[in-house]
Amino acid sequence: MAVATNTTARPAAPSRKGRGFFLTLIIVSGLLILGLAFLFFKGKDFFIFTWQKFVIEKAVVRALPPEYTLEQVEDIRLALLAFYDAGKRHEVSDEALYGLSQGIQSFLADQRITPAEAEALMAYVREHGPPGAVPGDR
């Protein structure tokens, strides 16, 4: 009994073009979902961290009036940091936290803070912040 063998060359397997692109899309989609989940669960903490490290520590301190002493600048900086820390601990409402952020943003529009604007910031912290947040009030 003879077995017939096919000696013709088999056709090449169909090419899998686009497979790498599909995997890339899956990976990018997964990263976006993880990023959105991070912002959903830790968005407030991320917001507070960036405002403390970049806006208050750098922009606000540099924009304060040059006639302020180092002690006055430090009191304002510490009061703002304490306000945001209280927001992280949920001792300050989200509305008050975002209200202060909007005020700082509007005061920094011209890259300087006038003495009246600095006093308005401190008045807002006294009114909406936890007791003793402003160092001069202790």
N, C-alpha and C. Protein backbone atom coordinates (compact mmCIF):
# COMPACT_ATOMS: atom_id res chain seq x y z
N MET A 1 0.84 -1.14 0.00
CA MET A 1 0.00 0.00 0.00
C MET A 1 0.89 1.22 0.00
N ALA A 2 0.71 1.96 -0.96
CA ALA A 2 1.51 3.16 -1.13
C ALA A 2 0.75 4.37 -0.62
N VAL A 3 1.45 5.23 0.08
CA VAL A 3 0.85 6.45 0.62
C VAL A 3 1.28 7.59 -0.28
N ALA A 4 0.31 8.33 -0.70
CA ALA A 4 0.62 9.46 -1.57
C ALA A 4 1.13 10.61 -0.70
N THR A 5 2.23 11.14 -1.08
CA THR A 5 2.77 12.29 -0.36
C THR A 5 2.72 13.50 -1.27
N ASN A 6 2.40 14.55 -0.68
CA ASN A 6 2.31 15.80 -1.42
C ASN A 6 3.67 16.48 -1.34
N THR A 7 4.29 16.64 -2.45
CA THR A 7 5.62 17.23 -2.47
C THR A 7 5.60 18.72 -2.84
N THR A 8 4.44 19.25 -3.02
CA THR A 8 4.38 20.68 -3.35
C THR A 8 4.61 21.50 -2.08
N ALA A 9 5.17 22.63 -2.27
CA ALA A 9 5.46 23.52 -1.13
C ALA A 9 4.16 24.08 -0.57
N ARG A 10 4.11 24.11 0.73
CA ARG A 10 2.93 24.67 1.38
C ARG A 10 2.96 26.18 1.23
N PRO A 11 1.78 26.79 1.10
CA PRO A 11 1.78 28.26 1.02
C PRO A 11 2.19 28.84 2.38
N ALA A 12 2.84 29.97 2.31
CA ALA A 12 3.29 30.64 3.53
C ALA A 12 2.08 31.03 4.38
N ALA A 13 2.26 31.01 5.68
CA ALA A 13 1.19 31.39 6.60
C ALA A 13 0.82 32.84 6.34
N PRO A 14 -0.45 33.14 6.46
CA PRO A 14 -0.84 34.53 6.22
C PRO A 14 -0.09 35.47 7.17
N SER A 15 0.33 36.59 6.66
CA SER A 15 1.09 37.52 7.48
C SER A 15 0.17 38.13 8.55
N ARG A 16 0.76 38.44 9.66
CA ARG A 16 -0.01 38.97 10.78
C ARG A 16 0.28 40.45 10.95
N LYS A 17 0.11 41.16 9.90
CA LYS A 17 0.33 42.61 9.96
C LYS A 17 -0.74 43.24 10.85
N GLY A 18 -0.33 44.20 11.63
CA GLY A 18 -1.28 44.88 12.51
C GLY A 18 -1.33 44.29 13.90
N ARG A 19 -0.71 43.14 14.10
CA ARG A 19 -0.74 42.51 15.42
C ARG A 19 -0.03 43.39 16.46
N GLY A 20 1.12 43.94 16.14
CA GLY A 20 1.83 44.82 17.05
C GLY A 20 1.06 46.09 17.34
N PHE A 21 0.39 46.61 16.32
CA PHE A 21 -0.42 47.82 16.50
C PHE A 21 -1.56 47.54 17.46
N PHE A 22 -2.20 46.38 17.32
CA PHE A 22 -3.31 46.02 18.20
C PHE A 22 -2.82 45.88 19.64
N LEU A 23 -1.69 45.23 19.84
CA LEU A 23 -1.14 45.09 21.19
C LEU A 23 -0.79 46.45 21.79
N THR A 24 -0.26 47.33 20.96
CA THR A 24 0.05 48.68 21.42
C THR A 24 -1.21 49.41 21.85
N LEU A 25 -2.27 49.28 21.09
CA LEU A 25 -3.55 49.91 21.46
C LEU A 25 -4.08 49.36 22.78
N ILE A 26 -3.97 48.07 22.98
CA ILE A 26 -4.43 47.46 24.23
C ILE A 26 -3.62 48.00 25.41
N ILE A 27 -2.31 48.08 25.25
CA ILE A 27 -1.45 48.55 26.34
C ILE A 27 -1.73 50.02 26.65
N VAL A 28 -1.84 50.85 25.62
CA VAL A 28 -2.12 52.28 25.83
C VAL A 28 -3.48 52.46 26.49
N SER A 29 -4.47 51.70 26.06
CA SER A 29 -5.80 51.79 26.67
C SER A 29 -5.75 51.40 28.14
N GLY A 30 -5.00 50.36 28.46
CA GLY A 30 -4.86 49.95 29.86
C GLY A 30 -4.20 51.02 30.70
N LEU A 31 -3.16 51.65 30.15
CA LEU A 31 -2.49 52.73 30.88
C LEU A 31 -3.41 53.91 31.10
N LEU A 32 -4.21 54.24 30.10
CA LEU A 32 -5.16 55.34 30.27
C LEU A 32 -6.20 55.02 31.34
N ILE A 33 -6.67 53.80 31.36
CA ILE A 33 -7.65 53.40 32.37
C ILE A 33 -7.02 53.47 33.76
N LEU A 34 -5.78 53.01 33.89
CA LEU A 34 -5.10 53.10 35.18
C LEU A 34 -4.89 54.56 35.60
N GLY A 35 -4.53 55.42 34.65
CA GLY A 35 -4.35 56.83 34.96
C GLY A 35 -5.65 57.49 35.41
N LEU A 36 -6.73 57.17 34.73
CA LEU A 36 -8.03 57.74 35.13
C LEU A 36 -8.47 57.20 36.49
N ALA A 37 -8.20 55.94 36.75
CA ALA A 37 -8.54 55.38 38.06
C ALA A 37 -7.72 56.06 39.16
N PHE A 38 -6.43 56.32 38.89
CA PHE A 38 -5.60 57.04 39.85
C PHE A 38 -6.17 58.41 40.14
N LEU A 39 -6.55 59.14 39.08
CA LEU A 39 -7.10 60.48 39.29
C LEU A 39 -8.44 60.42 40.02
N PHE A 40 -9.22 59.38 39.76
CA PHE A 40 -10.51 59.26 40.44
C PHE A 40 -10.31 59.04 41.94
N PHE A 41 -9.40 58.14 42.29
CA PHE A 41 -9.24 57.79 43.69
C PHE A 41 -8.26 58.71 44.43
N LYS A 42 -7.26 59.25 43.76
CA LYS A 42 -6.24 60.07 44.41
C LYS A 42 -6.12 61.46 43.81
N GLY A 43 -7.12 61.91 43.09
CA GLY A 43 -7.07 63.20 42.42
C GLY A 43 -6.92 64.37 43.38
N LYS A 44 -7.64 64.33 44.49
CA LYS A 44 -7.56 65.43 45.45
C LYS A 44 -6.17 65.48 46.08
N ASP A 45 -5.62 64.32 46.43
CA ASP A 45 -4.28 64.30 47.01
C ASP A 45 -3.24 64.80 46.00
N PHE A 46 -3.41 64.42 44.74
CA PHE A 46 -2.50 64.89 43.69
C PHE A 46 -2.62 66.40 43.51
N PHE A 47 -3.85 66.91 43.53
CA PHE A 47 -4.10 68.35 43.42
C PHE A 47 -3.42 69.09 44.57
N ILE A 48 -3.61 68.62 45.79
CA ILE A 48 -3.04 69.28 46.96
C ILE A 48 -1.51 69.23 46.91
N PHE A 49 -0.95 68.09 46.54
CA PHE A 49 0.49 67.95 46.45
C PHE A 49 1.09 68.94 45.45
N THR A 50 0.49 69.02 44.26
CA THR A 50 1.05 69.93 43.25
C THR A 50 0.90 71.39 43.66
N TRP A 51 -0.21 71.76 44.30
CA TRP A 51 -0.37 73.14 44.74
C TRP A 51 0.61 73.48 45.85
N GLN A 52 0.84 72.53 46.77
CA GLN A 52 1.78 72.81 47.85
C GLN A 52 3.21 72.93 47.33
N LYS A 53 3.61 72.00 46.49
CA LYS A 53 5.02 71.95 46.06
C LYS A 53 5.37 72.99 45.01
N PHE A 54 4.46 73.28 44.11
CA PHE A 54 4.80 74.14 42.99
C PHE A 54 4.20 75.54 43.09
N VAL A 55 2.95 75.64 43.51
CA VAL A 55 2.31 76.95 43.53
C VAL A 55 2.68 77.71 44.80
N ILE A 56 2.47 77.11 45.97
CA ILE A 56 2.72 77.84 47.21
C ILE A 56 4.22 78.01 47.45
N GLU A 57 4.96 76.91 47.37
CA GLU A 57 6.39 76.95 47.69
C GLU A 57 7.19 77.82 46.72
N LYS A 58 6.77 77.89 45.48
CA LYS A 58 7.56 78.62 44.49
C LYS A 58 6.86 79.91 44.05
N ALA A 59 5.71 79.80 43.44
CA ALA A 59 5.08 80.97 42.81
C ALA A 59 4.59 82.00 43.83
N VAL A 60 3.88 81.54 44.85
CA VAL A 60 3.31 82.49 45.82
C VAL A 60 4.43 83.18 46.60
N VAL A 61 5.41 82.42 47.05
CA VAL A 61 6.49 83.01 47.84
C VAL A 61 7.25 84.05 47.02
N ARG A 62 7.50 83.75 45.74
CA ARG A 62 8.22 84.71 44.89
C ARG A 62 7.38 85.94 44.55
N ALA A 63 6.05 85.77 44.51
CA ALA A 63 5.18 86.86 44.08
C ALA A 63 4.78 87.79 45.22
N LEU A 64 5.08 87.44 46.46
CA LEU A 64 4.70 88.30 47.58
C LEU A 64 5.46 89.62 47.50
N PRO A 65 4.90 90.67 48.08
CA PRO A 65 5.54 92.00 47.99
C PRO A 65 6.95 91.99 48.55
N PRO A 66 7.85 92.71 47.92
CA PRO A 66 9.24 92.72 48.39
C PRO A 66 9.41 93.40 49.75
N GLU A 67 8.43 94.22 50.15
CA GLU A 67 8.57 94.89 51.45
C GLU A 67 8.22 93.97 52.62
N TYR A 68 7.73 92.79 52.34
CA TYR A 68 7.42 91.84 53.42
C TYR A 68 8.73 91.28 53.99
N THR A 69 8.74 91.11 55.30
CA THR A 69 9.91 90.52 55.94
C THR A 69 9.88 89.00 55.73
N LEU A 70 11.00 88.38 56.02
CA LEU A 70 11.05 86.92 55.88
C LEU A 70 10.05 86.23 56.81
N GLU A 71 9.83 86.80 57.99
CA GLU A 71 8.88 86.23 58.94
C GLU A 71 7.46 86.31 58.39
N GLN A 72 7.11 87.43 57.77
CA GLN A 72 5.77 87.57 57.19
C GLN A 72 5.57 86.58 56.04
N VAL A 73 6.58 86.46 55.20
CA VAL A 73 6.48 85.52 54.07
C VAL A 73 6.35 84.09 54.60
N GLU A 74 7.12 83.77 55.63
CA GLU A 74 7.06 82.42 56.20
C GLU A 74 5.71 82.16 56.86
N ASP A 75 5.14 83.17 57.53
CA ASP A 75 3.81 83.02 58.13
C ASP A 75 2.76 82.74 57.06
N ILE A 76 2.81 83.46 55.96
CA ILE A 76 1.85 83.26 54.87
C ILE A 76 2.04 81.87 54.27
N ARG A 77 3.28 81.49 54.04
CA ARG A 77 3.55 80.18 53.45
C ARG A 77 3.05 79.06 54.36
N LEU A 78 3.35 79.17 55.65
CA LEU A 78 2.91 78.13 56.59
C LEU A 78 1.39 78.09 56.72
N ALA A 79 0.74 79.26 56.69
CA ALA A 79 -0.72 79.28 56.78
C ALA A 79 -1.35 78.61 55.56
N LEU A 80 -0.82 78.88 54.38
CA LEU A 80 -1.37 78.25 53.18
C LEU A 80 -1.11 76.74 53.18
N LEU A 81 0.08 76.34 53.60
CA LEU A 81 0.37 74.90 53.67
C LEU A 81 -0.52 74.21 54.68
N ALA A 82 -0.76 74.85 55.82
CA ALA A 82 -1.64 74.27 56.85
C ALA A 82 -3.07 74.16 56.33
N PHE A 83 -3.50 75.14 55.55
CA PHE A 83 -4.85 75.10 54.98
C PHE A 83 -4.99 73.90 54.05
N TYR A 84 -4.01 73.70 53.17
CA TYR A 84 -4.08 72.56 52.25
C TYR A 84 -3.92 71.24 52.98
N ASP A 85 -3.10 71.20 54.03
CA ASP A 85 -3.00 69.97 54.83
C ASP A 85 -4.33 69.65 55.50
N ALA A 86 -5.03 70.68 55.98
CA ALA A 86 -6.35 70.48 56.57
C ALA A 86 -7.34 69.99 55.51
N GLY A 87 -7.17 70.46 54.29
CA GLY A 87 -8.01 69.96 53.20
C GLY A 87 -7.76 68.49 52.91
N LYS A 88 -6.51 68.08 53.04
CA LYS A 88 -6.17 66.66 52.84
C LYS A 88 -6.80 65.80 53.93
N ARG A 89 -6.88 66.34 55.15
CA ARG A 89 -7.47 65.61 56.28
C ARG A 89 -8.99 65.78 56.34
N HIS A 90 -9.58 66.45 55.38
CA HIS A 90 -11.03 66.69 55.29
C HIS A 90 -11.54 67.59 56.41
N GLU A 91 -10.68 68.46 56.94
CA GLU A 91 -11.10 69.44 57.93
C GLU A 91 -11.59 70.73 57.27
N VAL A 92 -11.30 70.86 55.99
CA VAL A 92 -11.72 72.01 55.19
C VAL A 92 -12.54 71.46 54.03
N SER A 93 -13.64 72.14 53.73
CA SER A 93 -14.49 71.65 52.65
C SER A 93 -13.78 71.78 51.30
N ASP A 94 -14.20 70.95 50.37
CA ASP A 94 -13.63 71.00 49.02
C ASP A 94 -13.90 72.35 48.37
N GLU A 95 -15.07 72.92 48.65
CA GLU A 95 -15.40 74.23 48.07
C GLU A 95 -14.44 75.30 48.56
N ALA A 96 -14.13 75.27 49.86
CA ALA A 96 -13.19 76.25 50.41
C ALA A 96 -11.79 76.04 49.83
N LEU A 97 -11.40 74.78 49.67
CA LEU A 97 -10.09 74.45 49.13
C LEU A 97 -9.96 74.96 47.70
N TYR A 98 -10.94 74.66 46.89
CA TYR A 98 -10.89 75.11 45.49
C TYR A 98 -11.11 76.62 45.38
N GLY A 99 -11.86 77.20 46.33
CA GLY A 99 -12.03 78.65 46.34
C GLY A 99 -10.72 79.37 46.59
N LEU A 100 -9.93 78.87 47.54
CA LEU A 100 -8.62 79.46 47.81
C LEU A 100 -7.71 79.29 46.59
N SER A 101 -7.78 78.14 45.97
CA SER A 101 -6.95 77.90 44.79
C SER A 101 -7.30 78.85 43.66
N GLN A 102 -8.58 79.11 43.47
CA GLN A 102 -9.01 80.06 42.44
C GLN A 102 -8.54 81.47 42.78
N GLY A 103 -8.60 81.83 44.06
CA GLY A 103 -8.12 83.15 44.48
C GLY A 103 -6.64 83.31 44.23
N ILE A 104 -5.86 82.29 44.59
CA ILE A 104 -4.41 82.35 44.35
C ILE A 104 -4.14 82.45 42.85
N GLN A 105 -4.87 81.67 42.08
CA GLN A 105 -4.67 81.69 40.62
C GLN A 105 -4.96 83.07 40.05
N SER A 106 -6.02 83.71 40.52
CA SER A 106 -6.34 85.04 39.99
C SER A 106 -5.32 86.08 40.47
N PHE A 107 -4.83 85.94 41.70
CA PHE A 107 -3.82 86.88 42.20
C PHE A 107 -2.49 86.73 41.47
N LEU A 108 -2.18 85.52 41.04
CA LEU A 108 -0.91 85.27 40.35
C LEU A 108 -0.98 85.55 38.85
N ALA A 109 -2.11 86.03 38.37
CA ALA A 109 -2.25 86.28 36.93
C ALA A 109 -1.22 87.30 36.44
N ASP A 110 -0.89 88.27 37.28
CA ASP A 110 0.10 89.28 36.87
C ASP A 110 1.47 89.01 37.49
N GLN A 111 1.69 87.82 38.04
CA GLN A 111 2.97 87.37 38.58
C GLN A 111 3.42 88.13 39.83
N ARG A 112 2.51 88.83 40.48
CA ARG A 112 2.85 89.47 41.75
C ARG A 112 1.60 89.56 42.61
N ILE A 113 1.81 89.57 43.90
CA ILE A 113 0.71 89.66 44.85
C ILE A 113 0.89 90.96 45.63
N THR A 114 -0.14 91.78 45.64
CA THR A 114 -0.09 93.05 46.37
C THR A 114 -0.33 92.78 47.86
N PRO A 115 0.02 93.72 48.72
CA PRO A 115 -0.27 93.54 50.15
C PRO A 115 -1.76 93.32 50.43
N ALA A 116 -2.63 94.00 49.69
CA ALA A 116 -4.08 93.81 49.88
C ALA A 116 -4.50 92.39 49.50
N GLU A 117 -3.91 91.86 48.43
CA GLU A 117 -4.23 90.49 48.02
C GLU A 117 -3.71 89.48 49.03
N ALA A 118 -2.53 89.73 49.58
CA ALA A 118 -1.98 88.84 50.61
C ALA A 118 -2.86 88.85 51.85
N GLU A 119 -3.35 90.02 52.23
CA GLU A 119 -4.26 90.09 53.38
C GLU A 119 -5.58 89.38 53.07
N ALA A 120 -6.04 89.48 51.83
CA ALA A 120 -7.27 88.77 51.45
C ALA A 120 -7.08 87.26 51.53
N LEU A 121 -5.90 86.78 51.15
CA LEU A 121 -5.61 85.34 51.28
C LEU A 121 -5.65 84.91 52.74
N MET A 122 -5.03 85.71 53.60
CA MET A 122 -5.00 85.36 55.02
C MET A 122 -6.39 85.44 55.64
N ALA A 123 -7.19 86.41 55.21
CA ALA A 123 -8.56 86.52 55.71
C ALA A 123 -9.38 85.30 55.29
N TYR A 124 -9.16 84.81 54.07
CA TYR A 124 -9.86 83.62 53.58
C TYR A 124 -9.44 82.40 54.39
N VAL A 125 -8.15 82.28 54.67
CA VAL A 125 -7.66 81.15 55.47
C VAL A 125 -8.23 81.22 56.88
N ARG A 126 -8.29 82.42 57.47
CA ARG A 126 -8.87 82.57 58.82
C ARG A 126 -10.34 82.17 58.83
N GLU A 127 -11.06 82.60 57.80
CA GLU A 127 -12.50 82.36 57.76
C GLU A 127 -12.85 80.90 57.48
N HIS A 128 -12.16 80.27 56.53
CA HIS A 128 -12.54 78.93 56.08
C HIS A 128 -11.64 77.82 56.61
N GLY A 129 -10.48 78.19 57.14
CA GLY A 129 -9.53 77.18 57.57
C GLY A 129 -9.77 76.69 58.98
N PRO A 130 -8.97 75.74 59.41
CA PRO A 130 -9.09 75.25 60.79
C PRO A 130 -8.60 76.31 61.77
N PRO A 131 -9.02 76.24 63.00
CA PRO A 131 -8.56 77.23 63.99
C PRO A 131 -7.05 77.17 64.16
N GLY A 132 -6.43 78.33 64.23
CA GLY A 132 -5.00 78.40 64.43
C GLY A 132 -4.18 78.17 63.17
N ALA A 133 -4.83 78.22 62.00
CA ALA A 133 -4.09 77.97 60.75
C ALA A 133 -3.16 79.13 60.43
N VAL A 134 -3.55 80.34 60.79
CA VAL A 134 -2.71 81.50 60.53
C VAL A 134 -1.79 81.69 61.74
N PRO A 135 -0.47 81.66 61.54
CA PRO A 135 0.47 81.71 62.68
C PRO A 135 0.29 82.93 63.58
N GLY A 136 -0.07 84.07 63.06
CA GLY A 136 -0.22 85.27 63.88
C GLY A 136 -1.44 85.25 64.78
N ASP A 137 -2.35 84.31 64.56
CA ASP A 137 -3.60 84.25 65.33
C ASP A 137 -3.51 83.37 66.57
N ARG A 138 -2.39 82.69 66.75
CA ARG A 138 -2.28 81.74 67.86
C ARG A 138 -2.16 82.41 69.18
